[in-house]
N, C-alpha and C. Protein backbone atom coordinates (compact mmCIF):
# COMPACT_ATOMS: atom_id res chain seq x y z
N MET A 1 -6.07 190.78 46.22
CA MET A 1 -5.65 191.44 47.49
C MET A 1 -4.51 192.28 47.15
N ARG A 2 -4.36 193.58 47.19
CA ARG A 2 -3.23 194.40 46.71
C ARG A 2 -1.98 194.28 47.37
N GLU A 3 -2.38 194.45 49.15
CA GLU A 3 -1.67 195.02 49.90
C GLU A 3 -1.79 194.22 51.30
N ILE A 4 -1.07 193.92 52.20
CA ILE A 4 -0.85 193.37 53.52
C ILE A 4 -0.18 194.38 54.44
N VAL A 5 -0.57 194.54 55.47
CA VAL A 5 0.05 195.36 56.48
C VAL A 5 0.58 194.45 57.64
N PHE A 6 1.42 194.54 57.98
CA PHE A 6 2.22 193.61 59.09
C PHE A 6 2.22 194.70 60.22
N THR A 7 2.15 194.46 61.62
CA THR A 7 2.21 195.11 62.73
C THR A 7 3.69 194.71 63.26
N VAL A 8 4.76 195.78 63.18
CA VAL A 8 5.97 195.24 63.69
C VAL A 8 6.54 195.53 65.28
N THR A 9 6.68 194.94 66.15
CA THR A 9 7.09 195.26 67.37
C THR A 9 8.33 195.00 67.81
N SER A 10 8.82 195.46 68.65
CA SER A 10 10.29 194.70 69.13
C SER A 10 10.21 193.58 69.89
N CYS A 11 11.22 192.57 69.97
CA CYS A 11 10.86 191.39 71.01
C CYS A 11 11.80 192.00 71.99
N SER A 12 11.28 191.98 73.42
CA SER A 12 12.30 192.56 74.46
C SER A 12 12.97 191.12 74.71
N ASP A 13 12.67 189.85 74.41
CA ASP A 13 13.38 188.60 74.89
C ASP A 13 15.16 188.45 73.92
N THR A 14 14.56 188.86 72.51
CA THR A 14 15.77 188.48 71.86
C THR A 14 16.42 189.64 71.20
N GLY A 15 15.79 191.07 71.59
CA GLY A 15 16.20 192.31 70.99
C GLY A 15 15.91 192.80 69.35
N GLY A 16 15.06 191.48 68.80
CA GLY A 16 14.58 191.56 67.27
C GLY A 16 13.53 192.15 67.00
N TYR A 17 12.87 191.84 66.06
CA TYR A 17 11.11 192.15 65.62
C TYR A 17 10.26 191.02 65.47
N VAL A 18 9.26 191.29 65.91
CA VAL A 18 8.28 190.54 65.50
C VAL A 18 7.34 191.07 64.70
N ALA A 19 6.69 190.33 63.81
CA ALA A 19 5.65 190.87 62.69
C ALA A 19 4.43 189.86 62.98
N ARG A 20 3.06 190.70 62.63
CA ARG A 20 2.10 190.01 62.81
C ARG A 20 1.23 190.82 61.61
N TRP A 21 0.38 189.83 61.39
CA TRP A 21 -0.93 190.06 60.07
C TRP A 21 -2.15 189.36 60.36
N ASP A 22 -3.45 189.59 60.68
CA ASP A 22 -4.56 189.02 60.93
C ASP A 22 -5.37 188.90 59.65
N ASP A 23 -5.59 187.63 59.14
CA ASP A 23 -6.56 187.51 58.21
C ASP A 23 -8.05 187.59 58.54
N ALA A 24 -9.15 187.84 57.56
CA ALA A 24 -10.24 187.69 57.73
C ALA A 24 -10.48 186.89 58.97
N PRO A 25 -11.49 187.22 60.14
CA PRO A 25 -12.07 186.41 60.95
C PRO A 25 -12.44 185.27 60.76
N GLY A 26 -11.66 183.92 61.62
CA GLY A 26 -11.40 182.71 61.38
C GLY A 26 -10.97 181.93 60.31
N ARG A 27 -9.94 182.69 59.74
CA ARG A 27 -9.05 182.50 58.80
C ARG A 27 -7.65 182.39 59.56
N GLY A 28 -7.35 182.97 60.80
CA GLY A 28 -5.90 182.82 60.91
C GLY A 28 -5.21 184.20 60.90
N GLY A 29 -3.88 183.98 60.52
CA GLY A 29 -3.16 185.13 60.00
C GLY A 29 -1.40 184.68 60.20
N ILE A 30 -0.64 185.15 59.95
CA ILE A 30 0.47 185.20 59.99
C ILE A 30 1.12 185.80 61.29
N THR A 31 2.32 185.22 62.07
CA THR A 31 3.38 185.81 62.84
C THR A 31 4.86 185.05 62.40
N THR A 32 5.61 185.88 62.35
CA THR A 32 7.15 185.49 62.31
C THR A 32 8.02 186.58 62.77
N GLN A 33 9.24 186.21 63.01
CA GLN A 33 10.19 186.98 63.79
C GLN A 33 11.56 187.45 62.97
N GLY A 34 12.48 188.05 63.63
CA GLY A 34 13.79 188.26 62.48
C GLY A 34 14.29 188.90 63.97
N ASP A 35 15.90 188.36 63.95
CA ASP A 35 16.80 189.15 64.70
C ASP A 35 17.39 190.67 64.21
N THR A 36 17.17 190.69 62.92
CA THR A 36 17.40 192.06 62.35
C THR A 36 16.55 192.45 61.22
N LEU A 37 16.33 193.45 60.93
CA LEU A 37 15.57 193.99 60.14
C LEU A 37 15.38 193.19 58.73
N GLN A 38 16.60 192.61 57.96
CA GLN A 38 16.69 192.13 57.33
C GLN A 38 16.15 190.86 57.02
N GLU A 39 16.87 190.20 58.10
CA GLU A 39 16.05 189.06 58.82
C GLU A 39 14.96 188.75 58.44
N LEU A 40 13.86 189.96 59.24
CA LEU A 40 12.89 189.92 59.22
C LEU A 40 12.11 189.88 58.23
N GLN A 41 12.39 190.82 57.26
CA GLN A 41 12.10 191.12 55.53
C GLN A 41 11.86 189.66 55.00
N ASP A 42 13.06 188.44 55.14
CA ASP A 42 13.16 187.40 54.91
C ASP A 42 12.09 186.31 54.89
N MET A 43 12.03 186.51 56.52
CA MET A 43 10.98 185.70 56.95
C MET A 43 9.66 186.22 56.53
N VAL A 44 9.10 187.46 56.64
CA VAL A 44 8.05 187.88 56.05
C VAL A 44 7.84 186.94 54.69
N ARG A 45 8.81 187.67 53.65
CA ARG A 45 8.49 187.06 52.27
C ARG A 45 8.12 185.36 52.30
N GLU A 46 8.93 184.74 53.37
CA GLU A 46 8.65 183.49 53.25
C GLU A 46 7.08 183.09 53.85
N ALA A 47 6.87 183.49 55.04
CA ALA A 47 5.76 183.28 55.36
C ALA A 47 4.50 183.35 54.57
N VAL A 48 4.44 184.82 53.50
CA VAL A 48 3.64 185.13 52.72
C VAL A 48 3.12 184.15 51.61
N ASP A 49 4.73 184.04 51.21
CA ASP A 49 4.78 182.54 50.11
C ASP A 49 4.08 181.11 50.62
N ALA A 50 4.34 180.83 51.82
CA ALA A 50 3.60 179.57 52.40
C ALA A 50 2.07 179.64 52.77
N TYR A 51 2.16 180.87 52.88
CA TYR A 51 0.34 181.04 53.77
C TYR A 51 -0.99 181.12 52.45
N PHE A 52 -0.27 182.04 51.52
CA PHE A 52 -1.02 181.90 50.60
C PHE A 52 -1.08 180.76 49.02
N GLU A 53 -2.29 180.01 49.25
CA GLU A 53 -1.99 178.98 48.27
C GLU A 53 -2.45 179.65 46.74
N GLY A 54 -3.32 180.45 46.65
CA GLY A 54 -3.78 180.79 45.44
C GLY A 54 -2.99 182.32 44.95
N PRO A 55 -3.86 183.23 44.48
CA PRO A 55 -3.04 184.99 44.14
C PRO A 55 -2.57 185.35 45.44
N ARG A 56 -1.08 185.66 45.57
CA ARG A 56 -1.09 186.46 46.96
C ARG A 56 -0.68 187.85 46.80
N PRO A 57 -0.64 188.61 47.90
CA PRO A 57 -0.55 190.06 47.82
C PRO A 57 0.41 190.65 46.84
N LYS A 58 0.42 191.65 46.00
CA LYS A 58 1.57 192.58 45.70
C LYS A 58 2.57 193.04 46.31
N SER A 59 2.06 193.46 47.23
CA SER A 59 3.12 194.11 48.19
C SER A 59 2.89 193.78 49.44
N VAL A 60 3.89 193.82 50.91
CA VAL A 60 3.53 193.98 51.93
C VAL A 60 4.05 194.83 52.48
N ARG A 61 3.43 195.67 53.39
CA ARG A 61 3.83 196.82 54.45
C ARG A 61 4.25 196.65 55.69
N LEU A 62 5.31 196.84 56.44
CA LEU A 62 6.03 196.74 57.61
C LEU A 62 5.36 197.93 58.27
N HIS A 63 4.56 197.85 59.27
CA HIS A 63 4.16 198.79 60.17
C HIS A 63 4.65 199.05 61.29
N PHE A 64 5.65 199.93 61.85
CA PHE A 64 6.43 199.57 63.24
C PHE A 64 5.63 200.55 64.30
N ALA A 65 5.08 199.45 65.04
CA ALA A 65 4.31 200.09 66.67
C ALA A 65 4.94 201.09 67.18
N GLU A 66 6.34 201.11 66.89
CA GLU A 66 7.13 201.94 67.77
C GLU A 66 8.16 202.44 66.79
N ASP A 67 8.53 203.81 66.55
CA ASP A 67 9.54 203.97 65.88
C ASP A 67 11.12 203.84 66.40
N PRO A 68 11.64 202.95 65.50
CA PRO A 68 13.04 202.55 65.80
C PRO A 68 14.10 203.84 66.23
N VAL A 69 14.93 203.67 67.11
CA VAL A 69 15.76 204.61 67.27
C VAL A 69 16.99 204.56 67.07
N VAL A 70 18.06 205.41 66.58
CA VAL A 70 19.10 204.97 66.48
C VAL A 70 20.00 205.96 67.54
N SER A 71 20.92 205.26 67.99
CA SER A 71 21.60 205.98 68.93
C SER A 71 23.19 206.28 68.53
N LEU A 72 23.47 208.15 68.54
CA LEU A 72 24.41 208.35 68.13
C LEU A 72 25.88 208.36 69.15
N THR A 73 25.59 207.76 70.20
CA THR A 73 26.94 208.15 71.03
C THR A 73 27.62 206.64 70.93
């Protein structure tokens, strides 16, 4: 497996982010969260390391379900 793709959504409860990846049917997947983008990236790395016992993906892509908006005011 070369790459896996997490879908990232905003968490309305915390204001942070939730990332989800589904493995093949019947094999589960990974869900993790972080209050900041950096924390989310760290949590994804940690979760991927824990999930894969053998060879793990070479890269992880974060796909944002919504485009982040930066307020300029």
